[in-house]
Amino acid sequence: MCLAMACKDDAPTQSTLLSGTFDLNTVDGQPLPFLDWVTMAQDTLFITGGEVRTLSRGRVSLVLRSRWHTPSGGPQPEASDTLVLTYRENGSMILFEHPTYMDTAQVAGEALNVRTFVNRGQGITFHRAMIYYRR
């Protein structure tokens, strides 16, 4: 009977806006792969995919997959970066709570529109628009 209680406690958060898994479709209006960064050495970083998945207890998993291309070594293996964050809903807005800032998102039909903050360091910061579609 304790097993049933554990399952109940781990049930997905009952959200009126955000539920399920969404796959990354576009970045700043451009299809994937998206050229994300070019270094002084002409190494390039491409965003190749990603997902947003609703978890239990008001949490969300944000996965971003990317691949470096180097002039000497060509395409490198794809890598993924995963963040697990808390989220909350504020009216029609969804807030993904990072330690020092918040990303904002809205669900429009089957699309999840995320406005995320990018910090390249040395004073280079900007916002990026990412659109995900529900699986």
C-alpha atoms as a PDB file:
ATOM      1  CA  MET A   1       0.000   0.000   0.000  1.00  0.00           C
ATOM      2  CA  CYS A   2       2.970   2.316   0.485  1.00  0.00           C
ATOM      3  CA  LEU A   3       3.793   1.702  -3.158  1.00  0.00           C
ATOM      4  CA  ALA A   4       0.447   3.188  -4.190  1.00  0.00           C
ATOM      5  CA  MET A   5       1.124   6.270  -2.073  1.00  0.00           C
ATOM      6  CA  ALA A   6       4.538   6.734  -3.697  1.00  0.00           C
ATOM      7  CA  CYS A   7       2.963   6.589  -7.126  1.00  0.00           C
ATOM      8  CA  LYS A   8       0.374   9.163  -6.153  1.00  0.00           C
ATOM      9  CA  ASP A   9       3.048  11.532  -4.796  1.00  0.00           C
ATOM     10  CA  ASP A  10       5.040  11.245  -8.019  1.00  0.00           C
ATOM     11  CA  ALA A  11       2.082  11.933 -10.315  1.00  0.00           C
ATOM     12  CA  PRO A  12       2.619  14.750 -12.852  1.00  0.00           C
ATOM     13  CA  THR A  13       1.767  18.210 -11.661  1.00  0.00           C
ATOM     14  CA  GLN A  14      -1.798  19.067 -12.594  1.00  0.00           C
ATOM     15  CA  SER A  15      -1.220  21.998 -14.909  1.00  0.00           C
ATOM     16  CA  THR A  16      -3.825  23.904 -16.816  1.00  0.00           C
ATOM     17  CA  LEU A  17      -1.217  25.098 -19.328  1.00  0.00           C
ATOM     18  CA  LEU A  18       1.849  22.850 -19.397  1.00  0.00           C
ATOM     19  CA  SER A  19       1.699  19.060 -19.575  1.00  0.00           C
ATOM     20  CA  GLY A  20       3.508  16.388 -21.552  1.00  0.00           C
ATOM     21  CA  THR A  21       6.646  16.600 -23.657  1.00  0.00           C
ATOM     22  CA  PHE A  22       7.458  19.261 -26.245  1.00  0.00           C
ATOM     23  CA  ASP A  23      10.188  18.908 -28.926  1.00  0.00           C
ATOM     24  CA  LEU A  24      12.266  21.881 -30.067  1.00  0.00           C
ATOM     25  CA  ASN A  25      11.292  22.993 -33.565  1.00  0.00           C
ATOM     26  CA  THR A  26      12.772  26.448 -34.198  1.00  0.00           C
ATOM     27  CA  VAL A  27      15.226  28.884 -32.613  1.00  0.00           C
ATOM     28  CA  ASP A  28      14.710  32.581 -33.345  1.00  0.00           C
ATOM     29  CA  GLY A  29      12.408  31.563 -36.194  1.00  0.00           C
ATOM     30  CA  GLN A  30      15.041  29.349 -37.870  1.00  0.00           C
ATOM     31  CA  PRO A  31      14.770  25.549 -38.287  1.00  0.00           C
ATOM     32  CA  LEU A  32      17.217  23.099 -36.732  1.00  0.00           C
ATOM     33  CA  PRO A  33      20.133  22.697 -36.867  1.00  0.00           C
ATOM     34  CA  PHE A  34      20.552  26.296 -35.738  1.00  0.00           C
ATOM     35  CA  LEU A  35      23.950  28.035 -35.860  1.00  0.00           C
ATOM     36  CA  ASP A  36      24.295  29.137 -32.240  1.00  0.00           C
ATOM     37  CA  TRP A  37      27.867  30.357 -31.843  1.00  0.00           C
ATOM     38  CA  VAL A  38      31.076  30.995 -33.804  1.00  0.00           C
ATOM     39  CA  THR A  39      34.331  31.305 -31.851  1.00  0.00           C
ATOM     40  CA  MET A  40      37.410  33.342 -32.757  1.00  0.00           C
ATOM     41  CA  ALA A  41      39.023  30.055 -33.906  1.00  0.00           C
ATOM     42  CA  GLN A  42      36.073  29.518 -36.308  1.00  0.00           C
ATOM     43  CA  ASP A  43      34.659  26.633 -34.250  1.00  0.00           C
ATOM     44  CA  THR A  44      30.892  26.593 -34.664  1.00  0.00           C
ATOM     45  CA  LEU A  45      28.195  25.349 -32.304  1.00  0.00           C
ATOM     46  CA  PHE A  46      24.876  24.145 -33.710  1.00  0.00           C
ATOM     47  CA  ILE A  47      21.707  23.531 -31.688  1.00  0.00           C
ATOM     48  CA  THR A  48      20.466  20.200 -33.044  1.00  0.00           C
ATOM     49  CA  GLY A  49      17.426  19.509 -30.859  1.00  0.00           C
ATOM     50  CA  GLY A  50      15.855  19.702 -27.454  1.00  0.00           C
ATOM     51  CA  GLU A  51      12.789  19.067 -25.383  1.00  0.00           C
ATOM     52  CA  VAL A  52      10.745  20.361 -22.485  1.00  0.00           C
ATOM     53  CA  ARG A  53       9.161  17.643 -20.340  1.00  0.00           C
ATOM     54  CA  THR A  54       6.751  18.219 -17.471  1.00  0.00           C
ATOM     55  CA  LEU A  55       7.819  16.330 -14.332  1.00  0.00           C
ATOM     56  CA  SER A  56       6.181  15.883 -10.954  1.00  0.00           C
ATOM     57  CA  ARG A  57       5.937  18.399  -8.094  1.00  0.00           C
ATOM     58  CA  GLY A  58       6.070  21.548 -10.234  1.00  0.00           C
ATOM     59  CA  ARG A  59       9.299  20.684 -12.027  1.00  0.00           C
ATOM     60  CA  VAL A  60      10.267  20.611 -15.687  1.00  0.00           C
ATOM     61  CA  SER A  61      13.200  19.035 -17.531  1.00  0.00           C
ATOM     62  CA  LEU A  62      14.828  21.217 -20.209  1.00  0.00           C
ATOM     63  CA  VAL A  63      17.126  19.336 -22.603  1.00  0.00           C
ATOM     64  CA  LEU A  64      19.239  21.060 -25.252  1.00  0.00           C
ATOM     65  CA  ARG A  65      21.255  19.011 -27.743  1.00  0.00           C
ATOM     66  CA  SER A  66      24.150  20.574 -29.639  1.00  0.00           C
ATOM     67  CA  ARG A  67      27.132  19.710 -31.824  1.00  0.00           C
ATOM     68  CA  TRP A  68      30.461  21.500 -32.256  1.00  0.00           C
ATOM     69  CA  HIS A  69      32.119  21.674 -35.686  1.00  0.00           C
ATOM     70  CA  THR A  70      35.819  22.482 -35.769  1.00  0.00           C
ATOM     71  CA  PRO A  71      37.928  23.425 -38.814  1.00  0.00           C
ATOM     72  CA  SER A  72      40.444  20.684 -38.019  1.00  0.00           C
ATOM     73  CA  GLY A  73      38.168  17.925 -36.699  1.00  0.00           C
ATOM     74  CA  GLY A  74      34.867  18.484 -38.470  1.00  0.00           C
ATOM     75  CA  PRO A  75      31.588  17.592 -36.728  1.00  0.00           C
ATOM     76  CA  GLN A  76      32.018  16.415 -33.142  1.00  0.00           C
ATOM     77  CA  PRO A  77      29.652  14.012 -31.329  1.00  0.00           C
ATOM     78  CA  GLU A  78      26.307  15.450 -30.321  1.00  0.00           C
ATOM     79  CA  ALA A  79      26.100  16.439 -26.656  1.00  0.00           C
ATOM     80  CA  SER A  80      23.095  17.163 -24.481  1.00  0.00           C
ATOM     81  CA  ASP A  81      22.648  19.476 -21.534  1.00  0.00           C
ATOM     82  CA  THR A  82      19.766  18.870 -19.109  1.00  0.00           C
ATOM     83  CA  LEU A  83      18.372  21.244 -16.497  1.00  0.00           C
ATOM     84  CA  VAL A  84      15.653  20.331 -14.023  1.00  0.00           C
ATOM     85  CA  LEU A  85      13.896  23.479 -12.834  1.00  0.00           C
ATOM     86  CA  THR A  86      10.788  24.381 -10.914  1.00  0.00           C
ATOM     87  CA  TYR A  87       8.078  26.183 -12.824  1.00  0.00           C
ATOM     88  CA  ARG A  88       4.931  28.039 -11.978  1.00  0.00           C
ATOM     89  CA  GLU A  89       2.014  29.455 -13.847  1.00  0.00           C
ATOM     90  CA  ASN A  90       1.067  33.098 -13.647  1.00  0.00           C
ATOM     91  CA  GLY A  91      -2.126  33.627 -15.617  1.00  0.00           C
ATOM     92  CA  SER A  92      -1.343  32.568 -19.195  1.00  0.00           C
ATOM     93  CA  MET A  93       2.420  32.793 -18.560  1.00  0.00           C
ATOM     94  CA  ILE A  94       4.670  29.924 -17.460  1.00  0.00           C
ATOM     95  CA  LEU A  95       7.813  30.841 -15.531  1.00  0.00           C
ATOM     96  CA  PHE A  96      10.843  28.505 -15.535  1.00  0.00           C
ATOM     97  CA  GLU A  97      12.765  29.423 -12.378  1.00  0.00           C
ATOM     98  CA  HIS A  98      16.554  29.461 -12.822  1.00  0.00           C
ATOM     99  CA  PRO A  99      18.651  30.375  -9.742  1.00  0.00           C
ATOM    100  CA  THR A 100      19.205  34.015 -10.813  1.00  0.00           C
ATOM    101  CA  TYR A 101      16.555  34.675 -13.487  1.00  0.00           C
ATOM    102  CA  MET A 102      13.368  33.321 -15.084  1.00  0.00           C
ATOM    103  CA  ASP A 103      12.574  32.168 -18.588  1.00  0.00           C
ATOM    104  CA  THR A 104       9.026  32.886 -19.721  1.00  0.00           C
ATOM    105  CA  ALA A 105       6.804  30.658 -21.826  1.00  0.00           C
ATOM    106  CA  GLN A 106       3.290  30.449 -23.201  1.00  0.00           C
ATOM    107  CA  VAL A 107       1.327  27.539 -24.628  1.00  0.00           C
ATOM    108  CA  ALA A 108      -0.547  28.260 -27.870  1.00  0.00           C
ATOM    109  CA  GLY A 109      -2.420  25.138 -28.986  1.00  0.00           C
ATOM    110  CA  GLU A 110       0.239  22.447 -29.399  1.00  0.00           C
ATOM    111  CA  ALA A 111       3.129  24.962 -29.382  1.00  0.00           C
ATOM    112  CA  LEU A 112       5.202  26.057 -26.413  1.00  0.00           C
ATOM    113  CA  ASN A 113       6.831  29.457 -27.016  1.00  0.00           C
ATOM    114  CA  VAL A 114       9.815  30.021 -24.721  1.00  0.00           C
ATOM    115  CA  ARG A 115      11.767  33.238 -24.330  1.00  0.00           C
ATOM    116  CA  THR A 116      15.083  32.286 -22.776  1.00  0.00           C
ATOM    117  CA  PHE A 117      18.057  34.268 -21.533  1.00  0.00           C
ATOM    118  CA  VAL A 118      21.511  33.495 -22.971  1.00  0.00           C
ATOM    119  CA  ASN A 119      24.670  34.634 -21.199  1.00  0.00           C
ATOM    120  CA  ARG A 120      27.919  34.298 -23.183  1.00  0.00           C
ATOM    121  CA  GLY A 121      29.937  36.031 -20.478  1.00  0.00           C
ATOM    122  CA  GLN A 122      32.012  39.203 -20.754  1.00  0.00           C
ATOM    123  CA  GLY A 123      28.837  41.290 -20.981  1.00  0.00           C
ATOM    124  CA  ILE A 124      27.360  39.376 -23.935  1.00  0.00           C
ATOM    125  CA  THR A 125      23.769  38.581 -23.008  1.00  0.00           C
ATOM    126  CA  PHE A 126      20.602  38.312 -25.073  1.00  0.00           C
ATOM    127  CA  HIS A 127      17.173  36.696 -25.260  1.00  0.00           C
ATOM    128  CA  ARG A 128      16.290  33.903 -27.638  1.00  0.00           C
ATOM    129  CA  ALA A 129      12.878  32.711 -28.875  1.00  0.00           C
ATOM    130  CA  MET A 130      12.466  28.924 -28.965  1.00  0.00           C
ATOM    131  CA  ILE A 131       9.359  27.136 -30.207  1.00  0.00           C
ATOM    132  CA  TYR A 132       8.583  23.574 -29.136  1.00  0.00           C
ATOM    133  CA  TYR A 133       5.701  21.349 -30.301  1.00  0.00           C
ATOM    134  CA  ARG A 134       3.858  18.822 -28.148  1.00  0.00           C
ATOM    135  CA  ARG A 135       4.580  15.187 -29.000  1.00  0.00           C
END
